[in-house]
Amino acid sequence: IFDEVDTGIGGAVSAMVGKKLKRVSCNQQVLCITHHPQVAAFADHHFKVNKTTESGRTRTTVDLLSVEERVLEVARMLSGAKITEKTLEHAREMMDDACCD
């Protein structure tokens, strides 16, 4: 289990961390919590954790994302609130590149 192992890094270094975690996952199960799209792109499965508060109560949900939902989430991680066609294209490219590494 890696909980935000990529804290304090970014860009190319995040991609290297993602690649190393992918290699580790070839021989054992890896659970990684990340906020970096460069790391998330390497995942075989992607879960999204959501936290909401209603009437003073906090609720956390964990959802397994489909392939297209993964693309949207990586795009959101890349750009924040505004997801454009270019951002989606970039997310798909990152995931395709990670898949072939």
PDB file of N, CA and C in Angstrom:
ATOM      1  N   ILE A   1       0.861  -1.176   0.000  1.00  0.00           N
ATOM      2  CA  ILE A   1       0.000   0.000   0.000  1.00  0.00           C
ATOM      3  C   ILE A   1       0.900   1.229   0.000  1.00  0.00           C
ATOM      4  N   PHE A   2       0.685   2.096  -0.974  1.00  0.00           N
ATOM      5  CA  PHE A   2       1.437   3.338  -1.100  1.00  0.00           C
ATOM      6  C   PHE A   2       0.446   4.492  -0.973  1.00  0.00           C
ATOM      7  N   ASP A   3       0.554   5.249   0.105  1.00  0.00           N
ATOM      8  CA  ASP A   3      -0.353   6.366   0.354  1.00  0.00           C
ATOM      9  C   ASP A   3       0.348   7.662  -0.006  1.00  0.00           C
ATOM     10  N   GLU A   4       0.009   8.198  -1.161  1.00  0.00           N
ATOM     11  CA  GLU A   4       0.582   9.442  -1.664  1.00  0.00           C
ATOM     12  C   GLU A   4       2.106   9.392  -1.656  1.00  0.00           C
ATOM     13  N   VAL A   5       2.654   8.285  -2.167  1.00  0.00           N
ATOM     14  CA  VAL A   5       4.096   8.089  -2.260  1.00  0.00           C
ATOM     15  C   VAL A   5       4.732   9.150  -3.158  1.00  0.00           C
ATOM     16  N   ASP A   6       3.925   9.817  -3.957  1.00  0.00           N
ATOM     17  CA  ASP A   6       4.406  10.807  -4.914  1.00  0.00           C
ATOM     18  C   ASP A   6       4.301  12.250  -4.408  1.00  0.00           C
ATOM     19  N   THR A   7       4.129  12.429  -3.105  1.00  0.00           N
ATOM     20  CA  THR A   7       4.030  13.773  -2.530  1.00  0.00           C
ATOM     21  C   THR A   7       5.335  14.535  -2.761  1.00  0.00           C
ATOM     22  N   GLY A   8       5.222  15.777  -3.206  1.00  0.00           N
ATOM     23  CA  GLY A   8       6.386  16.638  -3.368  1.00  0.00           C
ATOM     24  C   GLY A   8       7.140  16.447  -4.675  1.00  0.00           C
ATOM     25  N   ILE A   9       6.606  15.657  -5.579  1.00  0.00           N
ATOM     26  CA  ILE A   9       7.244  15.475  -6.882  1.00  0.00           C
ATOM     27  C   ILE A   9       6.238  15.828  -7.969  1.00  0.00           C
ATOM     28  N   GLY A  10       6.674  15.841  -9.197  1.00  0.00           N
ATOM     29  CA  GLY A  10       5.758  16.138 -10.290  1.00  0.00           C
ATOM     30  C   GLY A  10       6.364  15.765 -11.621  1.00  0.00           C
ATOM     31  N   GLY A  11       5.584  15.939 -12.669  1.00  0.00           N
ATOM     32  CA  GLY A  11       6.045  15.752 -14.033  1.00  0.00           C
ATOM     33  C   GLY A  11       6.716  14.430 -14.313  1.00  0.00           C
ATOM     34  N   ALA A  12       7.946  14.518 -14.846  1.00  0.00           N
ATOM     35  CA  ALA A  12       8.687  13.329 -15.270  1.00  0.00           C
ATOM     36  C   ALA A  12       8.980  12.390 -14.106  1.00  0.00           C
ATOM     37  N   VAL A  13       9.241  12.941 -12.928  1.00  0.00           N
ATOM     38  CA  VAL A  13       9.522  12.093 -11.761  1.00  0.00           C
ATOM     39  C   VAL A  13       8.272  11.309 -11.376  1.00  0.00           C
ATOM     40  N   SER A  14       7.104  11.931 -11.453  1.00  0.00           N
ATOM     41  CA  SER A  14       5.848  11.221 -11.179  1.00  0.00           C
ATOM     42  C   SER A  14       5.654  10.071 -12.159  1.00  0.00           C
ATOM     43  N   ALA A  15       5.979  10.304 -13.417  1.00  0.00           N
ATOM     44  CA  ALA A  15       5.857   9.247 -14.419  1.00  0.00           C
ATOM     45  C   ALA A  15       6.810   8.098 -14.104  1.00  0.00           C
ATOM     46  N   MET A  16       8.016   8.410 -13.622  1.00  0.00           N
ATOM     47  CA  MET A  16       8.968   7.360 -13.237  1.00  0.00           C
ATOM     48  C   MET A  16       8.441   6.551 -12.058  1.00  0.00           C
ATOM     49  N   VAL A  17       7.823   7.224 -11.091  1.00  0.00           N
ATOM     50  CA  VAL A  17       7.222   6.528  -9.947  1.00  0.00           C
ATOM     51  C   VAL A  17       6.108   5.608 -10.439  1.00  0.00           C
ATOM     52  N   GLY A  18       5.260   6.106 -11.332  1.00  0.00           N
ATOM     53  CA  GLY A  18       4.190   5.285 -11.894  1.00  0.00           C
ATOM     54  C   GLY A  18       4.728   4.051 -12.589  1.00  0.00           C
ATOM     55  N   LYS A  19       5.801   4.225 -13.346  1.00  0.00           N
ATOM     56  CA  LYS A  19       6.413   3.111 -14.066  1.00  0.00           C
ATOM     57  C   LYS A  19       6.977   2.070 -13.091  1.00  0.00           C
ATOM     58  N   LYS A  20       7.617   2.542 -12.028  1.00  0.00           N
ATOM     59  CA  LYS A  20       8.175   1.614 -11.028  1.00  0.00           C
ATOM     60  C   LYS A  20       7.069   0.863 -10.286  1.00  0.00           C
ATOM     61  N   LEU A  21       5.995   1.560  -9.944  1.00  0.00           N
ATOM     62  CA  LEU A  21       4.864   0.895  -9.285  1.00  0.00           C
ATOM     63  C   LEU A  21       4.242  -0.146 -10.212  1.00  0.00           C
ATOM     64  N   LYS A  22       4.182   0.162 -11.497  1.00  0.00           N
ATOM     65  CA  LYS A  22       3.642  -0.789 -12.474  1.00  0.00           C
ATOM     66  C   LYS A  22       4.494  -2.059 -12.498  1.00  0.00           C
ATOM     67  N   ARG A  23       5.825  -1.882 -12.441  1.00  0.00           N
ATOM     68  CA  ARG A  23       6.720  -3.045 -12.421  1.00  0.00           C
ATOM     69  C   ARG A  23       6.515  -3.885 -11.172  1.00  0.00           C
ATOM     70  N   VAL A  24       6.369  -3.229 -10.030  1.00  0.00           N
ATOM     71  CA  VAL A  24       6.121  -3.945  -8.773  1.00  0.00           C
ATOM     72  C   VAL A  24       4.831  -4.746  -8.887  1.00  0.00           C
ATOM     73  N   SER A  25       3.828  -4.169  -9.555  1.00  0.00           N
ATOM     74  CA  SER A  25       2.514  -4.818  -9.650  1.00  0.00           C
ATOM     75  C   SER A  25       2.524  -6.081 -10.517  1.00  0.00           C
ATOM     76  N   CYS A  26       3.601  -6.303 -11.244  1.00  0.00           N
ATOM     77  CA  CYS A  26       3.700  -7.530 -12.050  1.00  0.00           C
ATOM     78  C   CYS A  26       3.818  -8.768 -11.164  1.00  0.00           C
ATOM     79  N   ASN A  27       4.352  -8.592  -9.946  1.00  0.00           N
ATOM     80  CA  ASN A  27       4.588  -9.723  -9.049  1.00  0.00           C
ATOM     81  C   ASN A  27       3.768  -9.695  -7.773  1.00  0.00           C
ATOM     82  N   GLN A  28       3.171  -8.558  -7.463  1.00  0.00           N
ATOM     83  CA  GLN A  28       2.360  -8.464  -6.259  1.00  0.00           C
ATOM     84  C   GLN A  28       1.318  -7.361  -6.408  1.00  0.00           C
ATOM     85  N   GLN A  29       0.293  -7.474  -5.590  1.00  0.00           N
ATOM     86  CA  GLN A  29      -0.792  -6.492  -5.655  1.00  0.00           C
ATOM     87  C   GLN A  29      -0.308  -5.159  -5.097  1.00  0.00           C
ATOM     88  N   VAL A  30      -0.652  -4.080  -5.783  1.00  0.00           N
ATOM     89  CA  VAL A  30      -0.273  -2.734  -5.362  1.00  0.00           C
ATOM     90  C   VAL A  30      -1.537  -1.898  -5.226  1.00  0.00           C
ATOM     91  N   LEU A  31      -1.645  -1.208  -4.109  1.00  0.00           N
ATOM     92  CA  LEU A  31      -2.706  -0.228  -3.896  1.00  0.00           C
ATOM     93  C   LEU A  31      -2.003   1.105  -3.695  1.00  0.00           C
ATOM     94  N   CYS A  32      -2.319   2.077  -4.541  1.00  0.00           N
ATOM     95  CA  CYS A  32      -1.629   3.366  -4.502  1.00  0.00           C
ATOM     96  C   CYS A  32      -2.653   4.491  -4.481  1.00  0.00           C
ATOM     97  N   ILE A  33      -2.519   5.364  -3.506  1.00  0.00           N
ATOM     98  CA  ILE A  33      -3.346   6.568  -3.437  1.00  0.00           C
ATOM     99  C   ILE A  33      -2.514   7.698  -4.031  1.00  0.00           C
ATOM    100  N   THR A  34      -3.048   8.371  -5.051  1.00  0.00           N
ATOM    101  CA  THR A  34      -2.288   9.420  -5.728  1.00  0.00           C
ATOM    102  C   THR A  34      -3.196  10.561  -6.165  1.00  0.00           C
ATOM    103  N   HIS A  35      -2.580  11.726  -6.335  1.00  0.00           N
ATOM    104  CA  HIS A  35      -3.259  12.881  -6.923  1.00  0.00           C
ATOM    105  C   HIS A  35      -2.567  13.273  -8.226  1.00  0.00           C
ATOM    106  N   HIS A  36      -1.646  12.423  -8.681  1.00  0.00           N
ATOM    107  CA  HIS A  36      -0.872  12.711  -9.883  1.00  0.00           C
ATOM    108  C   HIS A  36      -1.378  11.897 -11.072  1.00  0.00           C
ATOM    109  N   PRO A  37      -1.783  12.566 -12.146  1.00  0.00           N
ATOM    110  CA  PRO A  37      -2.253  11.834 -13.321  1.00  0.00           C
ATOM    111  C   PRO A  37      -1.156  10.967 -13.939  1.00  0.00           C
ATOM    112  N   GLN A  38       0.109  11.397 -13.790  1.00  0.00           N
ATOM    113  CA  GLN A  38       1.219  10.621 -14.337  1.00  0.00           C
ATOM    114  C   GLN A  38       1.331   9.260 -13.655  1.00  0.00           C
ATOM    115  N   VAL A  39       0.945   9.165 -12.400  1.00  0.00           N
ATOM    116  CA  VAL A  39       0.957   7.894 -11.668  1.00  0.00           C
ATOM    117  C   VAL A  39      -0.329   7.120 -11.970  1.00  0.00           C
ATOM    118  N   ALA A  40      -1.459   7.797 -11.915  1.00  0.00           N
ATOM    119  CA  ALA A  40      -2.759   7.148 -12.133  1.00  0.00           C
ATOM    120  C   ALA A  40      -2.859   6.511 -13.516  1.00  0.00           C
ATOM    121  N   ALA A  41      -2.187   7.084 -14.495  1.00  0.00           N
ATOM    122  CA  ALA A  41      -2.250   6.565 -15.863  1.00  0.00           C
ATOM    123  C   ALA A  41      -1.725   5.136 -15.968  1.00  0.00           C
ATOM    124  N   PHE A  42      -0.870   4.717 -15.047  1.00  0.00           N
ATOM    125  CA  PHE A  42      -0.274   3.378 -15.092  1.00  0.00           C
ATOM    126  C   PHE A  42      -1.153   2.301 -14.466  1.00  0.00           C
ATOM    127  N   ALA A  43      -2.251   2.676 -13.855  1.00  0.00           N
ATOM    128  CA  ALA A  43      -3.079   1.715 -13.113  1.00  0.00           C
ATOM    129  C   ALA A  43      -3.775   0.709 -14.026  1.00  0.00           C
ATOM    130  N   ASP A  44      -3.913  -0.515 -13.517  1.00  0.00           N
ATOM    131  CA  ASP A  44      -4.745  -1.516 -14.192  1.00  0.00           C
ATOM    132  C   ASP A  44      -6.216  -1.272 -13.873  1.00  0.00           C
ATOM    133  N   HIS A  45      -6.478  -0.836 -12.650  1.00  0.00           N
ATOM    134  CA  HIS A  45      -7.824  -0.511 -12.178  1.00  0.00           C
ATOM    135  C   HIS A  45      -7.738   0.824 -11.453  1.00  0.00           C
ATOM    136  N   HIS A  46      -8.800   1.609 -11.559  1.00  0.00           N
ATOM    137  CA  HIS A  46      -8.793   2.949 -10.968  1.00  0.00           C
ATOM    138  C   HIS A  46     -10.067   3.109 -10.139  1.00  0.00           C
ATOM    139  N   PHE A  47      -9.874   3.383  -8.867  1.00  0.00           N
ATOM    140  CA  PHE A  47     -10.986   3.654  -7.964  1.00  0.00           C
ATOM    141  C   PHE A  47     -10.980   5.142  -7.649  1.00  0.00           C
ATOM    142  N   LYS A  48     -12.148   5.733  -7.597  1.00  0.00           N
ATOM    143  CA  LYS A  48     -12.264   7.143  -7.222  1.00  0.00           C
ATOM    144  C   LYS A  48     -12.931   7.219  -5.861  1.00  0.00           C
ATOM    145  N   VAL A  49     -12.303   7.953  -4.957  1.00  0.00           N
ATOM    146  CA  VAL A  49     -12.834   8.143  -3.608  1.00  0.00           C
ATOM    147  C   VAL A  49     -13.477   9.521  -3.557  1.00  0.00           C
ATOM    148  N   ASN A  50     -14.736   9.569  -3.159  1.00  0.00           N
ATOM    149  CA  ASN A  50     -15.476  10.828  -3.024  1.00  0.00           C
ATOM    150  C   ASN A  50     -15.910  11.014  -1.583  1.00  0.00           C
ATOM    151  N   LYS A  51     -15.782  12.239  -1.117  1.00  0.00           N
ATOM    152  CA  LYS A  51     -16.230  12.561   0.238  1.00  0.00           C
ATOM    153  C   LYS A  51     -17.252  13.683   0.144  1.00  0.00           C
ATOM    154  N   THR A  52     -18.422  13.470   0.745  1.00  0.00           N
ATOM    155  CA  THR A  52     -19.471  14.488   0.762  1.00  0.00           C
ATOM    156  C   THR A  52     -19.935  14.694   2.198  1.00  0.00           C
ATOM    157  N   THR A  53     -20.447  15.882   2.448  1.00  0.00           N
ATOM    158  CA  THR A  53     -20.995  16.188   3.763  1.00  0.00           C
ATOM    159  C   THR A  53     -22.424  16.675   3.586  1.00  0.00           C
ATOM    160  N   GLU A  54     -23.341  16.032   4.294  1.00  0.00           N
ATOM    161  CA  GLU A  54     -24.753  16.410   4.270  1.00  0.00           C
ATOM    162  C   GLU A  54     -25.276  16.427   5.690  1.00  0.00           C
ATOM    163  N   SER A  55     -25.925  17.504   6.049  1.00  0.00           N
ATOM    164  CA  SER A  55     -26.526  17.643   7.382  1.00  0.00           C
ATOM    165  C   SER A  55     -25.525  17.316   8.486  1.00  0.00           C
ATOM    166  N   GLY A  56     -24.287  17.768   8.294  1.00  0.00           N
ATOM    167  CA  GLY A  56     -23.267  17.565   9.315  1.00  0.00           C
ATOM    168  C   GLY A  56     -22.659  16.172   9.343  1.00  0.00           C
ATOM    169  N   ARG A  57     -23.069  15.306   8.427  1.00  0.00           N
ATOM    170  CA  ARG A  57     -22.527  13.937   8.377  1.00  0.00           C
ATOM    171  C   ARG A  57     -21.649  13.788   7.131  1.00  0.00           C
ATOM    172  N   THR A  58     -20.502  13.187   7.332  1.00  0.00           N
ATOM    173  CA  THR A  58     -19.583  12.955   6.231  1.00  0.00           C
ATOM    174  C   THR A  58     -19.762  11.538   5.708  1.00  0.00           C
ATOM    175  N   ARG A  59     -19.788  11.443   4.390  1.00  0.00           N
ATOM    176  CA  ARG A  59     -19.953  10.134   3.755  1.00  0.00           C
ATOM    177  C   ARG A  59     -18.843   9.968   2.713  1.00  0.00           C
ATOM    178  N   THR A  60     -18.233   8.805   2.715  1.00  0.00           N
ATOM    179  CA  THR A  60     -17.186   8.489   1.753  1.00  0.00           C
ATOM    180  C   THR A  60     -17.648   7.328   0.886  1.00  0.00           C
ATOM    181  N   THR A  61     -17.478   7.479  -0.431  1.00  0.00           N
ATOM    182  CA  THR A  61     -17.807   6.395  -1.355  1.00  0.00           C
ATOM    183  C   THR A  61     -16.567   6.069  -2.182  1.00  0.00           C
ATOM    184  N   VAL A  62     -16.460   4.822  -2.578  1.00  0.00           N
ATOM    185  CA  VAL A  62     -15.360   4.363  -3.422  1.00  0.00           C
ATOM    186  C   VAL A  62     -15.979   3.675  -4.634  1.00  0.00           C
ATOM    187  N   ASP A  63     -15.648   4.175  -5.819  1.00  0.00           N
ATOM    188  CA  ASP A  63     -16.232   3.647  -7.050  1.00  0.00           C
ATOM    189  C   ASP A  63     -15.143   3.161  -8.001  1.00  0.00           C
ATOM    190  N   LEU A  64     -15.330   1.960  -8.546  1.00  0.00           N
ATOM    191  CA  LEU A  64     -14.450   1.443  -9.588  1.00  0.00           C
ATOM    192  C   LEU A  64     -14.829   2.129 -10.897  1.00  0.00           C
ATOM    193  N   LEU A  65     -13.846   2.725 -11.569  1.00  0.00           N
ATOM    194  CA  LEU A  65     -14.115   3.472 -12.792  1.00  0.00           C
ATOM    195  C   LEU A  65     -13.988   2.587 -14.025  1.00  0.00           C
ATOM    196  N   SER A  66     -14.861   2.831 -14.991  1.00  0.00           N
ATOM    197  CA  SER A  66     -14.759   2.180 -16.297  1.00  0.00           C
ATOM    198  C   SER A  66     -13.591   2.826 -17.049  1.00  0.00           C
ATOM    199  N   VAL A  67     -13.252   2.285 -18.199  1.00  0.00           N
ATOM    200  CA  VAL A  67     -12.151   2.842 -18.987  1.00  0.00           C
ATOM    201  C   VAL A  67     -12.425   4.303 -19.331  1.00  0.00           C
ATOM    202  N   GLU A  68     -13.631   4.605 -19.804  1.00  0.00           N
ATOM    203  CA  GLU A  68     -13.939   5.991 -20.171  1.00  0.00           C
ATOM    204  C   GLU A  68     -13.973   6.900 -18.940  1.00  0.00           C
ATOM    205  N   GLU A  69     -14.460   6.398 -17.822  1.00  0.00           N
ATOM    206  CA  GLU A  69     -14.443   7.185 -16.579  1.00  0.00           C
ATOM    207  C   GLU A  69     -13.009   7.443 -16.130  1.00  0.00           C
ATOM    208  N   ARG A  70     -12.127   6.479 -16.355  1.00  0.00           N
ATOM    209  CA  ARG A  70     -10.703   6.673 -16.034  1.00  0.00           C
ATOM    210  C   ARG A  70     -10.129   7.809 -16.859  1.00  0.00           C
ATOM    211  N   VAL A  71     -10.457   7.835 -18.149  1.00  0.00           N
ATOM    212  CA  VAL A  71      -9.976   8.913 -19.023  1.00  0.00           C
ATOM    213  C   VAL A  71     -10.452  10.257 -18.489  1.00  0.00           C
ATOM    214  N   LEU A  72     -11.729  10.344 -18.129  1.00  0.00           N
ATOM    215  CA  LEU A  72     -12.274  11.595 -17.582  1.00  0.00           C
ATOM    216  C   LEU A  72     -11.577  11.988 -16.288  1.00  0.00           C
ATOM    217  N   GLU A  73     -11.300  11.020 -15.423  1.00  0.00           N
ATOM    218  CA  GLU A  73     -10.661  11.322 -14.140  1.00  0.00           C
ATOM    219  C   GLU A  73      -9.214  11.758 -14.330  1.00  0.00           C
ATOM    220  N   VAL A  74      -8.478  11.094 -15.202  1.00  0.00           N
ATOM    221  CA  VAL A  74      -7.097  11.520 -15.479  1.00  0.00           C
ATOM    222  C   VAL A  74      -7.111  12.918 -16.102  1.00  0.00           C
ATOM    223  N   ALA A  75      -8.067  13.191 -16.981  1.00  0.00           N
ATOM    224  CA  ALA A  75      -8.200  14.534 -17.567  1.00  0.00           C
ATOM    225  C   ALA A  75      -8.503  15.568 -16.486  1.00  0.00           C
ATOM    226  N   ARG A  76      -9.374  15.219 -15.543  1.00  0.00           N
ATOM    227  CA  ARG A  76      -9.685  16.137 -14.441  1.00  0.00           C
ATOM    228  C   ARG A  76      -8.448  16.385 -13.585  1.00  0.00           C
ATOM    229  N   MET A  77      -7.673  15.339 -13.347  1.00  0.00           N
ATOM    230  CA  MET A  77      -6.445  15.478 -12.566  1.00  0.00           C
ATOM    231  C   MET A  77      -5.444  16.380 -13.288  1.00  0.00           C
ATOM    232  N   LEU A  78      -5.446  16.328 -14.610  1.00  0.00           N
ATOM    233  CA  LEU A  78      -4.542  17.161 -15.405  1.00  0.00           C
ATOM    234  C   LEU A  78      -4.945  18.625 -15.396  1.00  0.00           C
ATOM    235  N   SER A  79      -6.253  18.885 -15.518  1.00  0.00           N
ATOM    236  CA  SER A  79      -6.683  20.259 -15.788  1.00  0.00           C
ATOM    237  C   SER A  79      -7.519  20.915 -14.705  1.00  0.00           C
ATOM    238  N   GLY A  80      -7.980  20.160 -13.747  1.00  0.00           N
ATOM    239  CA  GLY A  80      -8.866  20.743 -12.744  1.00  0.00           C
ATOM    240  C   GLY A  80     -10.304  20.685 -13.212  1.00  0.00           C
ATOM    241  N   ALA A  81     -11.030  21.778 -13.030  1.00  0.00           N
ATOM    242  CA  ALA A  81     -12.470  21.781 -13.281  1.00  0.00           C
ATOM    243  C   ALA A  81     -12.834  21.747 -14.764  1.00  0.00           C
ATOM    244  N   LYS A  82     -12.033  22.396 -15.619  1.00  0.00           N
ATOM    245  CA  LYS A  82     -12.398  22.513 -17.036  1.00  0.00           C
ATOM    246  C   LYS A  82     -11.721  21.410 -17.849  1.00  0.00           C
ATOM    247  N   ILE A  83     -12.537  20.500 -18.369  1.00  0.00           N
ATOM    248  CA  ILE A  83     -12.026  19.413 -19.198  1.00  0.00           C
ATOM    249  C   ILE A  83     -12.365  19.723 -20.648  1.00  0.00           C
ATOM    250  N   THR A  84     -11.333  19.823 -21.476  1.00  0.00           N
ATOM    251  CA  THR A  84     -11.513  20.115 -22.898  1.00  0.00           C
ATOM    252  C   THR A  84     -11.200  18.863 -23.718  1.00  0.00           C
ATOM    253  N   GLU A  85     -11.464  18.936 -25.006  1.00  0.00           N
ATOM    254  CA  GLU A  85     -11.130  17.815 -25.894  1.00  0.00           C
ATOM    255  C   GLU A  85      -9.624  17.557 -25.894  1.00  0.00           C
ATOM    256  N   LYS A  86      -8.835  18.633 -25.830  1.00  0.00           N
ATOM    257  CA  LYS A  86      -7.372  18.480 -25.776  1.00  0.00           C
ATOM    258  C   LYS A  86      -6.939  17.774 -24.494  1.00  0.00           C
ATOM    259  N   THR A  87      -7.580  18.116 -23.385  1.00  0.00           N
ATOM    260  CA  THR A  87      -7.253  17.467 -22.114  1.00  0.00           C
ATOM    261  C   THR A  87      -7.599  15.983 -22.177  1.00  0.00           C
ATOM    262  N   LEU A  88      -8.752  15.653 -22.740  1.00  0.00           N
ATOM    263  CA  LEU A  88      -9.148  14.248 -22.893  1.00  0.00           C
ATOM    264  C   LEU A  88      -8.159  13.503 -23.787  1.00  0.00           C
ATOM    265  N   GLU A  89      -7.739  14.161 -24.857  1.00  0.00           N
ATOM    266  CA  GLU A  89      -6.762  13.559 -25.766  1.00  0.00           C
ATOM    267  C   GLU A  89      -5.442  13.299 -25.036  1.00  0.00           C
ATOM    268  N   HIS A  90      -5.011  14.271 -24.240  1.00  0.00           N
ATOM    269  CA  HIS A  90      -3.777  14.126 -23.465  1.00  0.00           C
ATOM    270  C   HIS A  90      -3.904  12.969 -22.467  1.00  0.00           C
ATOM    271  N   ALA A  91      -5.036  12.874 -21.799  1.00  0.00           N
ATOM    272  CA  ALA A  91      -5.264  11.791 -20.834  1.00  0.00           C
ATOM    273  C   ALA A  91      -5.214  10.433 -21.534  1.00  0.00           C
ATOM    274  N   ARG A  92      -5.867  10.320 -22.677  1.00  0.00           N
ATOM    275  CA  ARG A  92      -5.850   9.051 -23.438  1.00  0.00           C
ATOM    276  C   ARG A  92      -4.428   8.693 -23.858  1.00  0.00           C
ATOM    277  N   GLU A  93      -3.692   9.708 -24.312  1.00  0.00           N
ATOM    278  CA  GLU A  93      -2.310   9.485 -24.739  1.00  0.00           C
ATOM    279  C   GLU A  93      -1.448   9.016 -23.566  1.00  0.00           C
ATOM    280  N   MET A  94      -1.608   9.645 -22.414  1.00  0.00           N
ATOM    281  CA  MET A  94      -0.849   9.230 -21.227  1.00  0.00           C
ATOM    282  C   MET A  94      -1.153   7.784 -20.868  1.00  0.00           C
ATOM    283  N   MET A  95      -2.427   7.430 -20.885  1.00  0.00           N
ATOM    284  CA  MET A  95      -2.834   6.073 -20.520  1.00  0.00           C
ATOM    285  C   MET A  95      -2.355   5.058 -21.559  1.00  0.00           C
ATOM    286  N   ASP A  96      -2.411   5.420 -22.836  1.00  0.00           N
ATOM    287  CA  ASP A  96      -1.916   4.528 -23.890  1.00  0.00           C
ATOM    288  C   ASP A  96      -0.412   4.316 -23.751  1.00  0.00           C
ATOM    289  N   ASP A  97       0.322   5.402 -23.505  1.00  0.00           N
ATOM    290  CA  ASP A  97       1.775   5.300 -23.333  1.00  0.00           C
ATOM    291  C   ASP A  97       2.124   4.452 -22.115  1.00  0.00           C
ATOM    292  N   ALA A  98       1.387   4.633 -21.033  1.00  0.00           N
ATOM    293  CA  ALA A  98       1.642   3.873 -19.801  1.00  0.00           C
ATOM    294  C   ALA A  98       1.354   2.393 -20.014  1.00  0.00           C
ATOM    295  N   CYS A  99       0.338   2.110 -20.795  1.00  0.00           N
ATOM    296  CA  CYS A  99      -0.056   0.722 -21.074  1.00  0.00           C
ATOM    297  C   CYS A  99       1.045  -0.018 -21.825  1.00  0.00           C
ATOM    298  N   CYS A 100       1.741   0.679 -22.680  1.00  0.00           N
ATOM    299  CA  CYS A 100       2.748   0.040 -23.537  1.00  0.00           C
ATOM    300  C   CYS A 100       4.133   0.013 -22.920  1.00  0.00           C
ATOM    301  N   ASP A 101       4.327   0.654 -21.779  1.00  0.00           N
ATOM    302  CA  ASP A 101       5.655   0.665 -21.134  1.00  0.00           C
ATOM    303  C   ASP A 101       6.008  -0.678 -20.563  1.00  0.00           C
TER     304      ASP A 101
END
